């Protein structure tokens, strides 16, 4: 009971408009996970940007991304058409990375962002944070982790002059970092790029919610298990709390951040007359 009380005290719980969040510090002295939300983009309540960020080598990169990524993406979106949204997302990620690198601060950050616009989900990620869509209760993973277990990522790094090696079952870039894309990481920037992979999905009546979370969740909880749990609890803030508790109970010692986005208000309803 005492352990459960202590764990609950460490939880940050947020109940926002259209989203819920739970976040818990892991074994490190400083919490390195962050998140950010931008609602009502261009005054439209059906446009929003959500992001979960997992820092490494300190919290500075995660802080910077949380403060600036949404702003930079909104700036890139000004005046663009529907076929230019992907370019705007890439521009926002690139600008944020370049600005942080110019500060000459070490460390880096993974991020999984979701832009909801015009009845579509645009999931953009670098690193191993993950976005999962629930469609009629089925888990649809919209991101593919940037880890060195991916042959295409190993080849990209080796072809650009870097090397990868496997130590105790974990592939690492130049014997150091276990992910292959991120913000920051100036000492490895020739290989640790900040080019997001982007997936677009149209919002239909079958799309229920998104789970955006750091690897502190996904290393212990499968995508379908997470979706099943949210469905059983009816999309509320307690779902995020429960997922954090499950991961911790299974031995996770990393920071954990779980964001749950209710998609109901972002769908475009067409009335046939």
C-alpha atoms as a PDB file:
ATOM      1  CA  UNK A   1       0.000   0.000   0.000  1.00  0.00           C
ATOM      2  CA  UNK A   2       2.814   2.448   0.893  1.00  0.00           C
ATOM      3  CA  UNK A   3       4.501   1.810  -2.472  1.00  0.00           C
ATOM      4  CA  UNK A   4       1.231   2.528  -4.291  1.00  0.00           C
ATOM      5  CA  UNK A   5       0.750   5.781  -2.335  1.00  0.00           C
ATOM      6  CA  UNK A   6       4.299   6.907  -3.154  1.00  0.00           C
ATOM      7  CA  UNK A   7       3.790   6.114  -6.832  1.00  0.00           C
ATOM      8  CA  UNK A   8       0.540   8.079  -6.918  1.00  0.00           C
ATOM      9  CA  UNK A   9       2.286  11.100  -5.382  1.00  0.00           C
ATOM     10  CA  UNK A  10       4.798  11.083  -8.231  1.00  0.00           C
ATOM     11  CA  UNK A  11       2.109  11.176 -10.930  1.00  0.00           C
ATOM     12  CA  UNK A  12       1.285  14.322 -12.883  1.00  0.00           C
ATOM     13  CA  UNK A  13      -2.325  14.186 -14.052  1.00  0.00           C
ATOM     14  CA  UNK A  14      -3.859  16.585 -16.585  1.00  0.00           C
ATOM     15  CA  UNK A  15      -7.451  16.644 -17.758  1.00  0.00           C
ATOM     16  CA  UNK A  16      -7.631  19.029 -20.707  1.00  0.00           C
ATOM     17  CA  UNK A  17     -10.072  19.815 -23.464  1.00  0.00           C
ATOM     18  CA  UNK A  18     -10.170  16.782 -25.761  1.00  0.00           C
ATOM     19  CA  UNK A  19      -7.134  15.178 -24.097  1.00  0.00           C
ATOM     20  CA  UNK A  20      -5.930  13.544 -20.893  1.00  0.00           C
ATOM     21  CA  UNK A  21      -2.393  12.929 -19.648  1.00  0.00           C
ATOM     22  CA  UNK A  22      -0.502  11.083 -16.935  1.00  0.00           C
ATOM     23  CA  UNK A  23       3.254  11.383 -16.452  1.00  0.00           C
ATOM     24  CA  UNK A  24       5.605   9.765 -13.938  1.00  0.00           C
ATOM     25  CA  UNK A  25       9.319  10.279 -13.293  1.00  0.00           C
ATOM     26  CA  UNK A  26      11.487   7.188 -13.502  1.00  0.00           C
ATOM     27  CA  UNK A  27      14.693   6.250 -11.726  1.00  0.00           C
ATOM     28  CA  UNK A  28      16.711   9.271 -12.864  1.00  0.00           C
ATOM     29  CA  UNK A  29      17.065  12.316 -10.662  1.00  0.00           C
ATOM     30  CA  UNK A  30      15.417  14.615 -13.225  1.00  0.00           C
ATOM     31  CA  UNK A  31      12.268  13.960 -15.235  1.00  0.00           C
ATOM     32  CA  UNK A  32      13.145  14.120 -18.954  1.00  0.00           C
ATOM     33  CA  UNK A  33       9.693  13.565 -20.495  1.00  0.00           C
ATOM     34  CA  UNK A  34       7.710  16.589 -21.630  1.00  0.00           C
ATOM     35  CA  UNK A  35       4.548  17.298 -23.597  1.00  0.00           C
ATOM     36  CA  UNK A  36       2.881  20.216 -25.360  1.00  0.00           C
ATOM     37  CA  UNK A  37      -0.574  21.017 -26.712  1.00  0.00           C
ATOM     38  CA  UNK A  38      -1.671  23.729 -29.157  1.00  0.00           C
ATOM     39  CA  UNK A  39      -5.447  24.042 -29.471  1.00  0.00           C
ATOM     40  CA  UNK A  40      -7.617  26.118 -31.814  1.00  0.00           C
ATOM     41  CA  UNK A  41      -4.984  26.593 -34.517  1.00  0.00           C
ATOM     42  CA  UNK A  42      -6.028  29.537 -36.709  1.00  0.00           C
ATOM     43  CA  UNK A  43      -9.055  29.922 -34.448  1.00  0.00           C
ATOM     44  CA  UNK A  44     -10.451  26.557 -35.552  1.00  0.00           C
ATOM     45  CA  UNK A  45     -11.468  24.202 -32.689  1.00  0.00           C
ATOM     46  CA  UNK A  46     -11.031  21.235 -35.051  1.00  0.00           C
ATOM     47  CA  UNK A  47      -7.329  21.992 -35.527  1.00  0.00           C
ATOM     48  CA  UNK A  48      -4.787  21.095 -32.841  1.00  0.00           C
ATOM     49  CA  UNK A  49      -1.256  19.818 -32.305  1.00  0.00           C
ATOM     50  CA  UNK A  50      -0.265  17.385 -29.556  1.00  0.00           C
ATOM     51  CA  UNK A  51       3.229  16.070 -28.811  1.00  0.00           C
ATOM     52  CA  UNK A  52       4.919  13.780 -26.289  1.00  0.00           C
ATOM     53  CA  UNK A  53       8.665  14.262 -25.893  1.00  0.00           C
ATOM     54  CA  UNK A  54      11.261  11.949 -24.348  1.00  0.00           C
ATOM     55  CA  UNK A  55      14.565  13.648 -23.588  1.00  0.00           C
ATOM     56  CA  UNK A  56      17.951  11.988 -23.116  1.00  0.00           C
ATOM     57  CA  UNK A  57      21.240  13.318 -21.808  1.00  0.00           C
ATOM     58  CA  UNK A  58      19.359  15.915 -19.763  1.00  0.00           C
ATOM     59  CA  UNK A  59      16.046  17.737 -19.957  1.00  0.00           C
ATOM     60  CA  UNK A  60      17.171  20.762 -21.984  1.00  0.00           C
ATOM     61  CA  UNK A  61      16.298  19.420 -25.444  1.00  0.00           C
ATOM     62  CA  UNK A  62      12.892  18.192 -24.280  1.00  0.00           C
ATOM     63  CA  UNK A  63      12.202  21.583 -22.697  1.00  0.00           C
ATOM     64  CA  UNK A  64      13.105  23.371 -25.923  1.00  0.00           C
ATOM     65  CA  UNK A  65      10.996  21.096 -28.112  1.00  0.00           C
ATOM     66  CA  UNK A  66       7.999  21.416 -25.789  1.00  0.00           C
ATOM     67  CA  UNK A  67       8.230  25.197 -25.912  1.00  0.00           C
ATOM     68  CA  UNK A  68       8.933  25.683 -29.612  1.00  0.00           C
ATOM     69  CA  UNK A  69       7.855  22.768 -31.834  1.00  0.00           C
ATOM     70  CA  UNK A  70       4.140  23.578 -31.828  1.00  0.00           C
ATOM     71  CA  UNK A  71       4.821  27.265 -32.427  1.00  0.00           C
ATOM     72  CA  UNK A  72       7.135  26.503 -35.350  1.00  0.00           C
ATOM     73  CA  UNK A  73       4.633  24.111 -36.925  1.00  0.00           C
ATOM     74  CA  UNK A  74       1.831  26.676 -36.629  1.00  0.00           C
ATOM     75  CA  UNK A  75       4.101  29.223 -38.333  1.00  0.00           C
ATOM     76  CA  UNK A  76       4.837  26.776 -41.152  1.00  0.00           C
ATOM     77  CA  UNK A  77       1.120  26.079 -41.608  1.00  0.00           C
ATOM     78  CA  UNK A  78       0.244  29.695 -42.340  1.00  0.00           C
ATOM     79  CA  UNK A  79      -1.204  29.955 -45.826  1.00  0.00           C
ATOM     80  CA  UNK A  80      -0.479  26.379 -46.908  1.00  0.00           C
ATOM     81  CA  UNK A  81      -2.923  24.108 -48.714  1.00  0.00           C
ATOM     82  CA  UNK A  82      -3.896  20.562 -47.839  1.00  0.00           C
ATOM     83  CA  UNK A  83      -1.171  19.046 -50.005  1.00  0.00           C
ATOM     84  CA  UNK A  84       1.512  21.067 -48.185  1.00  0.00           C
ATOM     85  CA  UNK A  85       0.815  19.936 -44.625  1.00  0.00           C
ATOM     86  CA  UNK A  86       3.557  17.308 -44.643  1.00  0.00           C
ATOM     87  CA  UNK A  87       6.091  19.910 -45.781  1.00  0.00           C
ATOM     88  CA  UNK A  88       4.916  22.240 -43.008  1.00  0.00           C
ATOM     89  CA  UNK A  89       5.428  19.522 -40.403  1.00  0.00           C
ATOM     90  CA  UNK A  90       8.902  18.764 -41.715  1.00  0.00           C
ATOM     91  CA  UNK A  91       9.701  22.465 -41.691  1.00  0.00           C
ATOM     92  CA  UNK A  92       8.569  22.808 -38.085  1.00  0.00           C
ATOM     93  CA  UNK A  93      10.656  19.861 -36.936  1.00  0.00           C
ATOM     94  CA  UNK A  94      13.710  21.059 -38.861  1.00  0.00           C
ATOM     95  CA  UNK A  95      13.466  24.644 -37.592  1.00  0.00           C
ATOM     96  CA  UNK A  96      13.154  23.483 -33.989  1.00  0.00           C
ATOM     97  CA  UNK A  97      16.156  21.183 -34.327  1.00  0.00           C
ATOM     98  CA  UNK A  98      18.336  23.871 -35.922  1.00  0.00           C
ATOM     99  CA  UNK A  99      17.382  26.427 -33.267  1.00  0.00           C
ATOM    100  CA  UNK A 100      18.238  24.038 -30.452  1.00  0.00           C
ATOM    101  CA  UNK A 101      21.558  23.029 -32.029  1.00  0.00           C
ATOM    102  CA  UNK A 102      22.505  26.706 -32.327  1.00  0.00           C
ATOM    103  CA  UNK A 103      22.396  26.946 -28.537  1.00  0.00           C
ATOM    104  CA  UNK A 104      25.305  24.474 -28.315  1.00  0.00           C
ATOM    105  CA  UNK A 105      23.615  22.441 -25.584  1.00  0.00           C
ATOM    106  CA  UNK A 106      24.239  18.716 -25.359  1.00  0.00           C
ATOM    107  CA  UNK A 107      21.509  16.116 -25.120  1.00  0.00           C
ATOM    108  CA  UNK A 108      18.599  15.298 -27.360  1.00  0.00           C
ATOM    109  CA  UNK A 109      14.951  14.326 -27.486  1.00  0.00           C
ATOM    110  CA  UNK A 110      12.597  11.945 -29.247  1.00  0.00           C
ATOM    111  CA  UNK A 111       9.111  13.189 -30.062  1.00  0.00           C
ATOM    112  CA  UNK A 112       5.816  11.902 -31.417  1.00  0.00           C
ATOM    113  CA  UNK A 113       3.529  14.664 -32.626  1.00  0.00           C
ATOM    114  CA  UNK A 114      -0.031  14.607 -33.918  1.00  0.00           C
ATOM    115  CA  UNK A 115      -1.567  17.345 -36.054  1.00  0.00           C
ATOM    116  CA  UNK A 116      -5.354  17.176 -36.315  1.00  0.00           C
ATOM    117  CA  UNK A 117      -6.547  19.269 -39.243  1.00  0.00           C
ATOM    118  CA  UNK A 118      -9.384  19.153 -41.771  1.00  0.00           C
ATOM    119  CA  UNK A 119     -10.656  15.797 -40.544  1.00  0.00           C
ATOM    120  CA  UNK A 120      -7.266  14.103 -40.805  1.00  0.00           C
ATOM    121  CA  UNK A 121      -4.601  12.813 -38.413  1.00  0.00           C
ATOM    122  CA  UNK A 122      -1.000  13.598 -39.333  1.00  0.00           C
ATOM    123  CA  UNK A 123       1.382  11.629 -37.085  1.00  0.00           C
ATOM    124  CA  UNK A 124       5.010  12.809 -37.236  1.00  0.00           C
ATOM    125  CA  UNK A 125       7.748  11.258 -35.121  1.00  0.00           C
ATOM    126  CA  UNK A 126      11.477  11.065 -34.551  1.00  0.00           C
ATOM    127  CA  UNK A 127      12.808   8.403 -32.194  1.00  0.00           C
ATOM    128  CA  UNK A 128      10.886   5.816 -30.213  1.00  0.00           C
ATOM    129  CA  UNK A 129       7.830   7.627 -28.888  1.00  0.00           C
ATOM    130  CA  UNK A 130       4.742   6.141 -30.459  1.00  0.00           C
ATOM    131  CA  UNK A 131       1.267   7.077 -31.747  1.00  0.00           C
ATOM    132  CA  UNK A 132      -1.516   4.477 -31.718  1.00  0.00           C
ATOM    133  CA  UNK A 133      -4.995   4.959 -33.191  1.00  0.00           C
ATOM    134  CA  UNK A 134      -8.034   3.038 -31.977  1.00  0.00           C
ATOM    135  CA  UNK A 135     -10.359   2.200 -34.860  1.00  0.00           C
ATOM    136  CA  UNK A 136     -13.425   0.313 -33.611  1.00  0.00           C
ATOM    137  CA  UNK A 137     -11.282  -1.015 -30.778  1.00  0.00           C
ATOM    138  CA  UNK A 138      -8.444  -2.211 -33.014  1.00  0.00           C
ATOM    139  CA  UNK A 139      -4.979  -0.774 -32.370  1.00  0.00           C
ATOM    140  CA  UNK A 140      -3.428   0.838 -35.468  1.00  0.00           C
ATOM    141  CA  UNK A 141       0.187   1.912 -34.918  1.00  0.00           C
ATOM    142  CA  UNK A 142       0.916   5.092 -36.890  1.00  0.00           C
ATOM    143  CA  UNK A 143       4.636   5.271 -36.103  1.00  0.00           C
ATOM    144  CA  UNK A 144       7.620   3.014 -36.746  1.00  0.00           C
ATOM    145  CA  UNK A 145      10.245   3.443 -34.042  1.00  0.00           C
ATOM    146  CA  UNK A 146      13.582   4.867 -35.136  1.00  0.00           C
ATOM    147  CA  UNK A 147      15.767   2.245 -33.538  1.00  0.00           C
ATOM    148  CA  UNK A 148      18.830   0.493 -34.914  1.00  0.00           C
ATOM    149  CA  UNK A 149      16.911  -2.769 -35.079  1.00  0.00           C
ATOM    150  CA  UNK A 150      15.534  -1.323 -38.335  1.00  0.00           C
ATOM    151  CA  UNK A 151      17.783  -2.426 -41.170  1.00  0.00           C
ATOM    152  CA  UNK A 152      16.977   0.674 -43.236  1.00  0.00           C
ATOM    153  CA  UNK A 153      18.119   2.949 -40.394  1.00  0.00           C
ATOM    154  CA  UNK A 154      21.359   0.988 -39.890  1.00  0.00           C
ATOM    155  CA  UNK A 155      22.095   1.206 -43.609  1.00  0.00           C
ATOM    156  CA  UNK A 156      21.389   4.950 -43.675  1.00  0.00           C
ATOM    157  CA  UNK A 157      23.858   5.580 -40.850  1.00  0.00           C
ATOM    158  CA  UNK A 158      26.556   3.298 -42.263  1.00  0.00           C
ATOM    159  CA  UNK A 159      26.187   4.838 -45.731  1.00  0.00           C
ATOM    160  CA  UNK A 160      26.778   8.286 -44.221  1.00  0.00           C
ATOM    161  CA  UNK A 161      30.004   7.255 -42.487  1.00  0.00           C
ATOM    162  CA  UNK A 162      28.761   6.206 -39.065  1.00  0.00           C
ATOM    163  CA  UNK A 163      28.904   2.780 -37.507  1.00  0.00           C
ATOM    164  CA  UNK A 164      26.474   0.725 -35.480  1.00  0.00           C
ATOM    165  CA  UNK A 165      27.237  -2.019 -33.022  1.00  0.00           C
ATOM    166  CA  UNK A 166      25.195  -4.360 -30.882  1.00  0.00           C
ATOM    167  CA  UNK A 167      26.055  -4.436 -27.182  1.00  0.00           C
ATOM    168  CA  UNK A 168      24.110  -6.694 -24.814  1.00  0.00           C
ATOM    169  CA  UNK A 169      21.380  -7.070 -27.390  1.00  0.00           C
ATOM    170  CA  UNK A 170      20.959  -3.328 -28.080  1.00  0.00           C
ATOM    171  CA  UNK A 171      22.084  -1.683 -31.337  1.00  0.00           C
ATOM    172  CA  UNK A 172      23.725   1.726 -30.874  1.00  0.00           C
ATOM    173  CA  UNK A 173      25.008   4.528 -33.111  1.00  0.00           C
ATOM    174  CA  UNK A 174      28.791   4.869 -32.759  1.00  0.00           C
ATOM    175  CA  UNK A 175      28.498   2.770 -29.608  1.00  0.00           C
ATOM    176  CA  UNK A 176      26.415   5.469 -27.946  1.00  0.00           C
ATOM    177  CA  UNK A 177      22.750   6.181 -28.708  1.00  0.00           C
ATOM    178  CA  UNK A 178      20.078   3.477 -29.095  1.00  0.00           C
ATOM    179  CA  UNK A 179      17.804   5.554 -31.339  1.00  0.00           C
ATOM    180  CA  UNK A 180      18.539   6.775 -34.858  1.00  0.00           C
ATOM    181  CA  UNK A 181      16.529  10.024 -35.161  1.00  0.00           C
ATOM    182  CA  UNK A 182      16.049  12.806 -32.639  1.00  0.00           C
ATOM    183  CA  UNK A 183      16.213  16.507 -31.923  1.00  0.00           C
ATOM    184  CA  UNK A 184      19.642  17.668 -30.780  1.00  0.00           C
ATOM    185  CA  UNK A 185      22.507  15.222 -30.140  1.00  0.00           C
ATOM    186  CA  UNK A 186      24.986  17.613 -31.708  1.00  0.00           C
ATOM    187  CA  UNK A 187      27.923  15.208 -31.300  1.00  0.00           C
ATOM    188  CA  UNK A 188      26.131  12.625 -33.473  1.00  0.00           C
ATOM    189  CA  UNK A 189      24.249  14.971 -35.807  1.00  0.00           C
ATOM    190  CA  UNK A 190      25.828  13.567 -38.965  1.00  0.00           C
ATOM    191  CA  UNK A 191      23.792  10.409 -38.307  1.00  0.00           C
ATOM    192  CA  UNK A 192      21.052  11.262 -35.778  1.00  0.00           C
ATOM    193  CA  UNK A 193      18.812  13.213 -38.123  1.00  0.00           C
ATOM    194  CA  UNK A 194      15.615  15.057 -37.216  1.00  0.00           C
ATOM    195  CA  UNK A 195      13.613  14.180 -40.313  1.00  0.00           C
ATOM    196  CA  UNK A 196      10.220  12.883 -39.158  1.00  0.00           C
ATOM    197  CA  UNK A 197       8.374  10.015 -40.731  1.00  0.00           C
ATOM    198  CA  UNK A 198       4.795  11.139 -41.323  1.00  0.00           C
ATOM    199  CA  UNK A 199       1.608   9.109 -41.680  1.00  0.00           C
ATOM    200  CA  UNK A 200      -1.759  10.596 -42.683  1.00  0.00           C
ATOM    201  CA  UNK A 201      -5.073   8.967 -41.779  1.00  0.00           C
ATOM    202  CA  UNK A 202      -8.561  10.250 -42.475  1.00  0.00           C
ATOM    203  CA  UNK A 203     -10.876  10.493 -39.473  1.00  0.00           C
ATOM    204  CA  UNK A 204     -13.943   8.326 -39.949  1.00  0.00           C
ATOM    205  CA  UNK A 205     -16.790   7.489 -37.592  1.00  0.00           C
ATOM    206  CA  UNK A 206     -14.810   4.377 -36.584  1.00  0.00           C
ATOM    207  CA  UNK A 207     -11.844   6.397 -35.248  1.00  0.00           C
ATOM    208  CA  UNK A 208     -12.197   6.752 -31.482  1.00  0.00           C
ATOM    209  CA  UNK A 209      -9.011   7.992 -29.848  1.00  0.00           C
ATOM    210  CA  UNK A 210      -5.231   8.267 -30.060  1.00  0.00           C
ATOM    211  CA  UNK A 211      -2.667   7.153 -27.493  1.00  0.00           C
ATOM    212  CA  UNK A 212       0.602   9.104 -27.725  1.00  0.00           C
ATOM    213  CA  UNK A 213       3.252   7.908 -25.294  1.00  0.00           C
ATOM    214  CA  UNK A 214       6.952   7.648 -24.561  1.00  0.00           C
ATOM    215  CA  UNK A 215       8.733   4.305 -24.658  1.00  0.00           C
ATOM    216  CA  UNK A 216       8.311   4.036 -20.896  1.00  0.00           C
ATOM    217  CA  UNK A 217       4.828   2.752 -21.706  1.00  0.00           C
ATOM    218  CA  UNK A 218       5.431   0.767 -24.883  1.00  0.00           C
ATOM    219  CA  UNK A 219       8.393  -1.202 -23.538  1.00  0.00           C
ATOM    220  CA  UNK A 220       5.972  -2.896 -21.104  1.00  0.00           C
ATOM    221  CA  UNK A 221       2.484  -2.587 -22.615  1.00  0.00           C
ATOM    222  CA  UNK A 222       1.439  -3.676 -26.108  1.00  0.00           C
ATOM    223  CA  UNK A 223      -0.534  -1.412 -28.401  1.00  0.00           C
ATOM    224  CA  UNK A 224      -3.628  -3.608 -28.382  1.00  0.00           C
ATOM    225  CA  UNK A 225      -3.526  -4.053 -24.613  1.00  0.00           C
ATOM    226  CA  UNK A 226      -3.416  -0.282 -24.172  1.00  0.00           C
ATOM    227  CA  UNK A 227      -6.352   0.235 -26.538  1.00  0.00           C
ATOM    228  CA  UNK A 228      -8.372  -2.528 -24.866  1.00  0.00           C
ATOM    229  CA  UNK A 229      -7.850  -0.938 -21.476  1.00  0.00           C
ATOM    230  CA  UNK A 230      -8.961   2.508 -22.677  1.00  0.00           C
ATOM    231  CA  UNK A 231     -12.043   1.062 -24.367  1.00  0.00           C
ATOM    232  CA  UNK A 232     -12.974  -0.803 -21.189  1.00  0.00           C
ATOM    233  CA  UNK A 233     -12.675   2.401 -19.128  1.00  0.00           C
ATOM    234  CA  UNK A 234     -14.459   4.666 -21.640  1.00  0.00           C
ATOM    235  CA  UNK A 235     -11.768   7.227 -22.614  1.00  0.00           C
ATOM    236  CA  UNK A 236     -11.096   9.228 -19.453  1.00  0.00           C
ATOM    237  CA  UNK A 237      -8.144  10.505 -17.483  1.00  0.00           C
ATOM    238  CA  UNK A 238      -8.088   7.409 -15.292  1.00  0.00           C
ATOM    239  CA  UNK A 239      -7.057   5.436 -18.397  1.00  0.00           C
ATOM    240  CA  UNK A 240      -3.752   7.315 -18.543  1.00  0.00           C
ATOM    241  CA  UNK A 241      -3.183   6.809 -14.836  1.00  0.00           C
ATOM    242  CA  UNK A 242      -3.889   3.092 -15.138  1.00  0.00           C
ATOM    243  CA  UNK A 243      -1.516   2.618 -18.076  1.00  0.00           C
ATOM    244  CA  UNK A 244       1.288   4.311 -16.138  1.00  0.00           C
ATOM    245  CA  UNK A 245       0.579   2.075 -13.150  1.00  0.00           C
ATOM    246  CA  UNK A 246       0.604  -1.078 -15.293  1.00  0.00           C
ATOM    247  CA  UNK A 247       3.973  -0.227 -16.864  1.00  0.00           C
ATOM    248  CA  UNK A 248       5.483   0.570 -13.458  1.00  0.00           C
ATOM    249  CA  UNK A 249       4.133  -2.632 -11.933  1.00  0.00           C
ATOM    250  CA  UNK A 250       5.886  -4.618 -14.688  1.00  0.00           C
ATOM    251  CA  UNK A 251       9.288  -3.263 -13.770  1.00  0.00           C
ATOM    252  CA  UNK A 252       9.616  -0.138 -15.901  1.00  0.00           C
ATOM    253  CA  UNK A 253      12.031   2.359 -14.342  1.00  0.00           C
ATOM    254  CA  UNK A 254      12.078   4.880 -17.178  1.00  0.00           C
ATOM    255  CA  UNK A 255      10.058   8.095 -17.296  1.00  0.00           C
ATOM    256  CA  UNK A 256       6.524   7.444 -18.563  1.00  0.00           C
ATOM    257  CA  UNK A 257       4.177   9.873 -20.278  1.00  0.00           C
ATOM    258  CA  UNK A 258       0.805   8.785 -21.659  1.00  0.00           C
ATOM    259  CA  UNK A 259      -1.475  11.166 -23.563  1.00  0.00           C
ATOM    260  CA  UNK A 260      -4.980  10.163 -24.619  1.00  0.00           C
ATOM    261  CA  UNK A 261      -6.715  12.234 -27.317  1.00  0.00           C
ATOM    262  CA  UNK A 262     -10.464  11.965 -27.823  1.00  0.00           C
ATOM    263  CA  UNK A 263     -11.106  12.286 -31.564  1.00  0.00           C
ATOM    264  CA  UNK A 264     -14.845  12.934 -31.384  1.00  0.00           C
ATOM    265  CA  UNK A 265     -14.646  16.725 -31.735  1.00  0.00           C
ATOM    266  CA  UNK A 266     -12.078  16.623 -34.559  1.00  0.00           C
ATOM    267  CA  UNK A 267     -14.165  14.707 -37.073  1.00  0.00           C
ATOM    268  CA  UNK A 268     -15.705  16.575 -39.997  1.00  0.00           C
ATOM    269  CA  UNK A 269     -19.397  15.747 -40.107  1.00  0.00           C
ATOM    270  CA  UNK A 270     -20.954  16.010 -43.562  1.00  0.00           C
ATOM    271  CA  UNK A 271     -24.712  16.457 -43.609  1.00  0.00           C
ATOM    272  CA  UNK A 272     -26.476  15.175 -46.704  1.00  0.00           C
ATOM    273  CA  UNK A 273     -29.536  17.248 -47.613  1.00  0.00           C
END
